[in-house]
Amino acid sequence: MTIGIIYFSILELDDRKFWTKRTLTGRIEVEATPKSGVLKLYKNGTFAATLHNADNSCTFQGKYAIHDNKLELKRLDLSDMTQRVFTTQYFLDKNNKTLNPIDKSYGIVEIRK
């Protein structure tokens, strides 16, 4: 019984990685499609990129690094897995609160937190 309560409590958490603090949350909407995405960076050097479609969502995880305002998501298959919603390299623009993709064929991620 106790294990079941703990399990369902964890499932109901807003932030699934309760053992580490979220440092950045970004969102992207892909115009003229039912696709959108949420990117979360965590203090322990990991990220979660969630792809939302009209009927489902999938989250892909990996590690990241930030050097000189350049964010690198260290997962080579990220672009393919997220149907080209996310890429692996962004410039961090703190003034405009955006993540600007180095590859301009990708959209800009708006920083929410």
C-alpha atoms as a PDB file:
ATOM      1  CA  MET A   1       0.000   0.000   0.000  1.00  0.00           C
ATOM      2  CA  THR A   2       2.770   2.443   0.955  1.00  0.00           C
ATOM      3  CA  ILE A   3       4.677   1.737  -2.255  1.00  0.00           C
ATOM      4  CA  GLY A   4       1.542   2.473  -4.296  1.00  0.00           C
ATOM      5  CA  ILE A   5       0.997   5.806  -2.541  1.00  0.00           C
ATOM      6  CA  ILE A   6       4.626   6.826  -3.093  1.00  0.00           C
ATOM      7  CA  TYR A   7       4.462   5.784  -6.756  1.00  0.00           C
ATOM      8  CA  PHE A   8       1.312   7.805  -7.480  1.00  0.00           C
ATOM      9  CA  SER A   9       2.658  10.787  -5.513  1.00  0.00           C
ATOM     10  CA  ILE A  10       5.739  10.857  -7.730  1.00  0.00           C
ATOM     11  CA  LEU A  11       3.600  10.590 -10.873  1.00  0.00           C
ATOM     12  CA  GLU A  12       1.573  13.624  -9.813  1.00  0.00           C
ATOM     13  CA  LEU A  13       4.601  15.875  -9.311  1.00  0.00           C
ATOM     14  CA  ASP A  14       4.717  18.864 -11.657  1.00  0.00           C
ATOM     15  CA  ASP A  15       8.481  18.576 -11.957  1.00  0.00           C
ATOM     16  CA  ARG A  16       9.292  14.936 -12.611  1.00  0.00           C
ATOM     17  CA  LYS A  17      12.960  15.312 -11.597  1.00  0.00           C
ATOM     18  CA  PHE A  18      12.288  16.124  -7.960  1.00  0.00           C
ATOM     19  CA  TRP A  19      15.884  15.276  -6.993  1.00  0.00           C
ATOM     20  CA  THR A  20      17.367  18.223  -8.899  1.00  0.00           C
ATOM     21  CA  LYS A  21      16.379  21.851  -9.435  1.00  0.00           C
ATOM     22  CA  ARG A  22      15.130  23.175 -12.762  1.00  0.00           C
ATOM     23  CA  THR A  23      17.268  26.089 -14.007  1.00  0.00           C
ATOM     24  CA  LEU A  24      15.521  26.981 -17.284  1.00  0.00           C
ATOM     25  CA  THR A  25      12.237  26.234 -19.021  1.00  0.00           C
ATOM     26  CA  GLY A  26      11.643  27.112 -22.652  1.00  0.00           C
ATOM     27  CA  ARG A  27       8.717  26.649 -25.014  1.00  0.00           C
ATOM     28  CA  ILE A  28       8.379  26.537 -28.784  1.00  0.00           C
ATOM     29  CA  GLU A  29       5.282  26.478 -31.001  1.00  0.00           C
ATOM     30  CA  VAL A  30       5.694  25.279 -34.575  1.00  0.00           C
ATOM     31  CA  GLU A  31       3.429  27.434 -36.740  1.00  0.00           C
ATOM     32  CA  ALA A  32       0.932  25.779 -39.083  1.00  0.00           C
ATOM     33  CA  THR A  33       1.407  22.399 -37.355  1.00  0.00           C
ATOM     34  CA  PRO A  34       0.018  20.729 -34.243  1.00  0.00           C
ATOM     35  CA  LYS A  35       3.577  20.426 -32.873  1.00  0.00           C
ATOM     36  CA  SER A  36       5.062  22.239 -29.912  1.00  0.00           C
ATOM     37  CA  GLY A  37       7.817  21.558 -27.436  1.00  0.00           C
ATOM     38  CA  VAL A  38       9.046  22.244 -23.935  1.00  0.00           C
ATOM     39  CA  LEU A  39      12.722  22.247 -22.993  1.00  0.00           C
ATOM     40  CA  LYS A  40      13.799  21.993 -19.356  1.00  0.00           C
ATOM     41  CA  LEU A  41      17.374  22.320 -18.135  1.00  0.00           C
ATOM     42  CA  TYR A  42      18.323  21.035 -14.694  1.00  0.00           C
ATOM     43  CA  LYS A  43      21.047  21.971 -12.243  1.00  0.00           C
ATOM     44  CA  ASN A  44      22.623  18.502 -12.442  1.00  0.00           C
ATOM     45  CA  GLY A  45      23.524  19.038 -16.133  1.00  0.00           C
ATOM     46  CA  THR A  46      20.616  17.122 -17.652  1.00  0.00           C
ATOM     47  CA  PHE A  47      17.776  18.238 -19.901  1.00  0.00           C
ATOM     48  CA  ALA A  48      14.315  17.031 -20.879  1.00  0.00           C
ATOM     49  CA  ALA A  49      12.923  17.950 -24.303  1.00  0.00           C
ATOM     50  CA  THR A  50       9.217  17.167 -24.650  1.00  0.00           C
ATOM     51  CA  LEU A  51       7.584  17.010 -28.058  1.00  0.00           C
ATOM     52  CA  HIS A  52       3.818  17.612 -28.050  1.00  0.00           C
ATOM     53  CA  ASN A  53       1.699  16.524 -31.014  1.00  0.00           C
ATOM     54  CA  ALA A  54      -2.053  16.747 -31.404  1.00  0.00           C
ATOM     55  CA  ASP A  55      -2.581  13.335 -29.831  1.00  0.00           C
ATOM     56  CA  ASN A  56       0.531  12.500 -27.783  1.00  0.00           C
ATOM     57  CA  SER A  57       3.702  13.687 -26.055  1.00  0.00           C
ATOM     58  CA  CYS A  58       7.175  12.170 -25.768  1.00  0.00           C
ATOM     59  CA  THR A  59      10.079  13.317 -23.608  1.00  0.00           C
ATOM     60  CA  PHE A  60      13.716  12.815 -24.600  1.00  0.00           C
ATOM     61  CA  GLN A  61      16.496  13.272 -22.081  1.00  0.00           C
ATOM     62  CA  GLY A  62      20.219  13.836 -22.137  1.00  0.00           C
ATOM     63  CA  LYS A  63      23.031  16.004 -20.843  1.00  0.00           C
ATOM     64  CA  TYR A  64      23.838  19.591 -21.709  1.00  0.00           C
ATOM     65  CA  ALA A  65      26.630  22.147 -21.369  1.00  0.00           C
ATOM     66  CA  ILE A  66      26.650  25.958 -21.509  1.00  0.00           C
ATOM     67  CA  HIS A  67      29.858  27.771 -22.516  1.00  0.00           C
ATOM     68  CA  ASP A  68      30.022  31.469 -23.434  1.00  0.00           C
ATOM     69  CA  ASN A  69      26.205  31.726 -23.766  1.00  0.00           C
ATOM     70  CA  LYS A  70      26.141  28.745 -26.138  1.00  0.00           C
ATOM     71  CA  LEU A  71      23.894  25.842 -25.095  1.00  0.00           C
ATOM     72  CA  GLU A  72      24.778  22.387 -26.372  1.00  0.00           C
ATOM     73  CA  LEU A  73      22.274  19.576 -25.903  1.00  0.00           C
ATOM     74  CA  LYS A  74      24.403  16.434 -25.962  1.00  0.00           C
ATOM     75  CA  ARG A  75      22.092  14.041 -27.738  1.00  0.00           C
ATOM     76  CA  LEU A  76      22.912  13.490 -31.399  1.00  0.00           C
ATOM     77  CA  ASP A  77      19.510  12.059 -32.355  1.00  0.00           C
ATOM     78  CA  LEU A  78      17.515  14.869 -30.708  1.00  0.00           C
ATOM     79  CA  SER A  79      16.526  16.579 -33.959  1.00  0.00           C
ATOM     80  CA  ASP A  80      15.207  13.376 -35.512  1.00  0.00           C
ATOM     81  CA  MET A  81      13.488  12.183 -32.343  1.00  0.00           C
ATOM     82  CA  THR A  82      11.677  15.533 -31.886  1.00  0.00           C
ATOM     83  CA  GLN A  83      10.677  15.788 -35.562  1.00  0.00           C
ATOM     84  CA  ARG A  84      13.015  18.778 -36.031  1.00  0.00           C
ATOM     85  CA  VAL A  85      11.388  20.824 -33.254  1.00  0.00           C
ATOM     86  CA  PHE A  86      14.646  20.924 -31.243  1.00  0.00           C
ATOM     87  CA  THR A  87      18.233  21.098 -32.420  1.00  0.00           C
ATOM     88  CA  THR A  88      21.387  20.533 -30.383  1.00  0.00           C
ATOM     89  CA  GLN A  89      22.976  24.008 -30.333  1.00  0.00           C
ATOM     90  CA  TYR A  90      21.535  27.359 -29.284  1.00  0.00           C
ATOM     91  CA  PHE A  91      22.766  30.829 -28.384  1.00  0.00           C
ATOM     92  CA  LEU A  92      21.374  31.937 -25.024  1.00  0.00           C
ATOM     93  CA  ASP A  93      19.984  35.484 -25.314  1.00  0.00           C
ATOM     94  CA  LYS A  94      19.206  36.550 -21.736  1.00  0.00           C
ATOM     95  CA  ASN A  95      18.083  40.050 -22.777  1.00  0.00           C
ATOM     96  CA  ASN A  96      15.317  38.782 -25.081  1.00  0.00           C
ATOM     97  CA  LYS A  97      14.748  35.596 -23.044  1.00  0.00           C
ATOM     98  CA  THR A  98      15.245  33.293 -26.014  1.00  0.00           C
ATOM     99  CA  LEU A  99      17.299  30.345 -27.152  1.00  0.00           C
ATOM    100  CA  ASN A 100      18.308  31.113 -30.730  1.00  0.00           C
ATOM    101  CA  PRO A 101      19.253  28.070 -32.810  1.00  0.00           C
ATOM    102  CA  ILE A 102      22.604  28.164 -34.544  1.00  0.00           C
ATOM    103  CA  ASP A 103      20.953  26.347 -37.470  1.00  0.00           C
ATOM    104  CA  LYS A 104      18.394  28.929 -38.663  1.00  0.00           C
ATOM    105  CA  SER A 105      16.083  26.246 -40.092  1.00  0.00           C
ATOM    106  CA  TYR A 106      14.889  25.632 -36.490  1.00  0.00           C
ATOM    107  CA  GLY A 107      12.585  27.870 -34.480  1.00  0.00           C
ATOM    108  CA  ILE A 108      13.417  30.113 -31.534  1.00  0.00           C
ATOM    109  CA  VAL A 109      12.689  28.750 -28.066  1.00  0.00           C
ATOM    110  CA  GLU A 110      11.111  31.305 -25.703  1.00  0.00           C
ATOM    111  CA  ILE A 111      12.472  31.130 -22.164  1.00  0.00           C
ATOM    112  CA  ARG A 112       9.652  31.031 -19.644  1.00  0.00           C
ATOM    113  CA  LYS A 113      11.606  30.544 -16.402  1.00  0.00           C
END
